[in-house]
């Protein structure tokens, strides 16, 4: 990663078919360890939307687009992708994010 580049940060929204919530949760959990072990992965953490059980968000931070592309080609992600029709109510929506820079506050001392 070049000194001027910024990590790629995104939320992946993943919605389970009505009867597949538990299976999707387990499939997402199985992705965590191998994904975090990938070169270029800074963060990979699944969450479930409290007000909408069966809707999950995966917070992901990658060194760059190349690292994310590599992730999507790995055997563990491809095994998950092979189950999309079985598990997902709709295609995964990847929501790219940009950090909002906050100015440092002056020390009152």
C-alpha atoms as a PDB file:
ATOM      1  CA  UNK A   1       0.000   0.000   0.000  1.00  0.00           C
ATOM      2  CA  UNK A   2       1.477   3.339  -0.968  1.00  0.00           C
ATOM      3  CA  UNK A   3       1.843   6.017   1.731  1.00  0.00           C
ATOM      4  CA  UNK A   4      -0.825   8.178   0.052  1.00  0.00           C
ATOM      5  CA  UNK A   5      -3.432   5.436  -0.310  1.00  0.00           C
ATOM      6  CA  UNK A   6      -6.178   4.690   2.164  1.00  0.00           C
ATOM      7  CA  UNK A   7      -7.594   1.327   3.177  1.00  0.00           C
ATOM      8  CA  UNK A   8     -10.785   0.149   1.516  1.00  0.00           C
ATOM      9  CA  UNK A   9     -13.503   0.129   4.185  1.00  0.00           C
ATOM     10  CA  UNK A  10     -16.944  -1.326   3.529  1.00  0.00           C
ATOM     11  CA  UNK A  11     -20.012  -2.883   5.043  1.00  0.00           C
ATOM     12  CA  UNK A  12     -21.396  -5.942   3.318  1.00  0.00           C
ATOM     13  CA  UNK A  13     -25.154  -6.293   3.894  1.00  0.00           C
ATOM     14  CA  UNK A  14     -26.193  -9.944   3.815  1.00  0.00           C
ATOM     15  CA  UNK A  15     -29.859 -10.960   4.225  1.00  0.00           C
ATOM     16  CA  UNK A  16     -30.923 -14.509   4.990  1.00  0.00           C
ATOM     17  CA  UNK A  17     -33.857 -16.327   3.471  1.00  0.00           C
ATOM     18  CA  UNK A  18     -36.598 -16.575   6.127  1.00  0.00           C
ATOM     19  CA  UNK A  19     -35.698 -20.098   7.293  1.00  0.00           C
ATOM     20  CA  UNK A  20     -31.915 -19.799   6.783  1.00  0.00           C
ATOM     21  CA  UNK A  21     -30.912 -17.265   9.476  1.00  0.00           C
ATOM     22  CA  UNK A  22     -28.925 -19.728  11.615  1.00  0.00           C
ATOM     23  CA  UNK A  23     -27.234 -21.345   8.595  1.00  0.00           C
ATOM     24  CA  UNK A  24     -26.189 -17.933   7.246  1.00  0.00           C
ATOM     25  CA  UNK A  25     -24.917 -16.863  10.667  1.00  0.00           C
ATOM     26  CA  UNK A  26     -22.775 -20.003  10.837  1.00  0.00           C
ATOM     27  CA  UNK A  27     -21.501 -19.511   7.280  1.00  0.00           C
ATOM     28  CA  UNK A  28     -20.502 -15.912   8.060  1.00  0.00           C
ATOM     29  CA  UNK A  29     -18.790 -16.977  11.286  1.00  0.00           C
ATOM     30  CA  UNK A  30     -16.788 -19.582   9.339  1.00  0.00           C
ATOM     31  CA  UNK A  31     -15.385 -16.807   7.110  1.00  0.00           C
ATOM     32  CA  UNK A  32     -13.926 -14.763   9.962  1.00  0.00           C
ATOM     33  CA  UNK A  33     -10.735 -16.627  10.838  1.00  0.00           C
ATOM     34  CA  UNK A  34      -9.508 -17.382   7.298  1.00  0.00           C
ATOM     35  CA  UNK A  35     -10.438 -13.879   6.111  1.00  0.00           C
ATOM     36  CA  UNK A  36      -8.577 -12.188   8.956  1.00  0.00           C
ATOM     37  CA  UNK A  37      -5.531 -14.328   8.127  1.00  0.00           C
ATOM     38  CA  UNK A  38      -5.364 -12.989   4.559  1.00  0.00           C
ATOM     39  CA  UNK A  39      -2.639 -10.537   3.619  1.00  0.00           C
ATOM     40  CA  UNK A  40      -4.252  -7.125   3.280  1.00  0.00           C
ATOM     41  CA  UNK A  41      -7.131  -7.770   5.710  1.00  0.00           C
ATOM     42  CA  UNK A  42      -7.176  -5.250   8.564  1.00  0.00           C
ATOM     43  CA  UNK A  43     -10.674  -5.988   9.880  1.00  0.00           C
ATOM     44  CA  UNK A  44     -13.418  -8.555   9.218  1.00  0.00           C
ATOM     45  CA  UNK A  45     -16.275  -8.636  11.718  1.00  0.00           C
ATOM     46  CA  UNK A  46     -19.887  -9.804  11.228  1.00  0.00           C
ATOM     47  CA  UNK A  47     -22.830  -8.198  13.049  1.00  0.00           C
ATOM     48  CA  UNK A  48     -26.564  -8.924  13.078  1.00  0.00           C
ATOM     49  CA  UNK A  49     -29.049  -6.069  12.877  1.00  0.00           C
ATOM     50  CA  UNK A  50     -30.916  -6.171  16.210  1.00  0.00           C
ATOM     51  CA  UNK A  51     -34.167  -4.818  14.812  1.00  0.00           C
ATOM     52  CA  UNK A  52     -34.101  -7.154  11.819  1.00  0.00           C
ATOM     53  CA  UNK A  53     -32.897 -10.675  12.709  1.00  0.00           C
ATOM     54  CA  UNK A  54     -31.469 -12.414   9.675  1.00  0.00           C
ATOM     55  CA  UNK A  55     -29.907  -9.229   8.299  1.00  0.00           C
ATOM     56  CA  UNK A  56     -26.170  -9.194   8.822  1.00  0.00           C
ATOM     57  CA  UNK A  57     -23.482  -6.627   8.171  1.00  0.00           C
ATOM     58  CA  UNK A  58     -19.840  -7.540   7.791  1.00  0.00           C
ATOM     59  CA  UNK A  59     -17.478  -4.675   8.567  1.00  0.00           C
ATOM     60  CA  UNK A  60     -14.443  -5.123   6.344  1.00  0.00           C
ATOM     61  CA  UNK A  61     -11.218  -3.186   5.984  1.00  0.00           C
ATOM     62  CA  UNK A  62      -8.786  -4.136   3.235  1.00  0.00           C
ATOM     63  CA  UNK A  63      -5.445  -2.659   2.251  1.00  0.00           C
ATOM     64  CA  UNK A  64      -6.818  -1.921  -1.222  1.00  0.00           C
ATOM     65  CA  UNK A  65      -9.111  -3.195  -3.980  1.00  0.00           C
ATOM     66  CA  UNK A  66      -6.562  -5.865  -4.898  1.00  0.00           C
ATOM     67  CA  UNK A  67      -6.787  -7.348  -1.372  1.00  0.00           C
ATOM     68  CA  UNK A  68     -10.601  -7.407  -1.571  1.00  0.00           C
ATOM     69  CA  UNK A  69     -10.480  -9.010  -5.028  1.00  0.00           C
ATOM     70  CA  UNK A  70      -8.078 -11.644  -3.675  1.00  0.00           C
ATOM     71  CA  UNK A  71     -10.474 -12.310  -0.764  1.00  0.00           C
ATOM     72  CA  UNK A  72     -13.396 -12.895  -3.099  1.00  0.00           C
ATOM     73  CA  UNK A  73     -11.323 -15.441  -5.055  1.00  0.00           C
ATOM     74  CA  UNK A  74     -10.194 -17.469  -2.012  1.00  0.00           C
ATOM     75  CA  UNK A  75     -11.475 -21.020  -1.551  1.00  0.00           C
ATOM     76  CA  UNK A  76     -13.237 -20.108   1.723  1.00  0.00           C
ATOM     77  CA  UNK A  77     -15.150 -17.207   0.131  1.00  0.00           C
ATOM     78  CA  UNK A  78     -15.921 -19.232  -3.008  1.00  0.00           C
ATOM     79  CA  UNK A  79     -17.352 -22.031  -0.806  1.00  0.00           C
ATOM     80  CA  UNK A  80     -19.603 -19.393   0.789  1.00  0.00           C
ATOM     81  CA  UNK A  81     -20.531 -17.954  -2.627  1.00  0.00           C
ATOM     82  CA  UNK A  82     -21.580 -21.424  -3.780  1.00  0.00           C
ATOM     83  CA  UNK A  83     -24.284 -21.300  -1.076  1.00  0.00           C
ATOM     84  CA  UNK A  84     -25.752 -17.888  -2.013  1.00  0.00           C
ATOM     85  CA  UNK A  85     -28.859 -19.343  -3.658  1.00  0.00           C
ATOM     86  CA  UNK A  86     -29.509 -21.563  -0.643  1.00  0.00           C
ATOM     87  CA  UNK A  87     -28.917 -18.909   2.025  1.00  0.00           C
ATOM     88  CA  UNK A  88     -29.539 -15.398   0.688  1.00  0.00           C
ATOM     89  CA  UNK A  89     -32.826 -13.566   0.227  1.00  0.00           C
ATOM     90  CA  UNK A  90     -31.089 -11.068  -2.097  1.00  0.00           C
ATOM     91  CA  UNK A  91     -27.602 -10.411  -3.486  1.00  0.00           C
ATOM     92  CA  UNK A  92     -24.987  -9.125  -1.066  1.00  0.00           C
ATOM     93  CA  UNK A  93     -24.793  -5.330  -1.087  1.00  0.00           C
ATOM     94  CA  UNK A  94     -21.305  -3.952  -0.591  1.00  0.00           C
ATOM     95  CA  UNK A  95     -21.485  -0.451   0.898  1.00  0.00           C
ATOM     96  CA  UNK A  96     -18.165   1.406   0.503  1.00  0.00           C
ATOM     97  CA  UNK A  97     -17.297   3.902   3.219  1.00  0.00           C
ATOM     98  CA  UNK A  98     -14.984   6.887   3.500  1.00  0.00           C
ATOM     99  CA  UNK A  99     -13.681   7.932   6.895  1.00  0.00           C
ATOM    100  CA  UNK A 100     -14.756  11.378   8.040  1.00  0.00           C
ATOM    101  CA  UNK A 101     -11.625  13.146   9.181  1.00  0.00           C
ATOM    102  CA  UNK A 102     -12.002  14.902  12.490  1.00  0.00           C
ATOM    103  CA  UNK A 103      -9.689  17.734  13.458  1.00  0.00           C
ATOM    104  CA  UNK A 104      -7.722  17.133  16.635  1.00  0.00           C
ATOM    105  CA  UNK A 105      -8.888  19.289  19.526  1.00  0.00           C
ATOM    106  CA  UNK A 106      -6.366  21.528  21.219  1.00  0.00           C
ATOM    107  CA  UNK A 107      -5.187  20.521  24.672  1.00  0.00           C
ATOM    108  CA  UNK A 108      -6.786  23.010  27.127  1.00  0.00           C
ATOM    109  CA  UNK A 109      -3.743  22.847  29.429  1.00  0.00           C
END
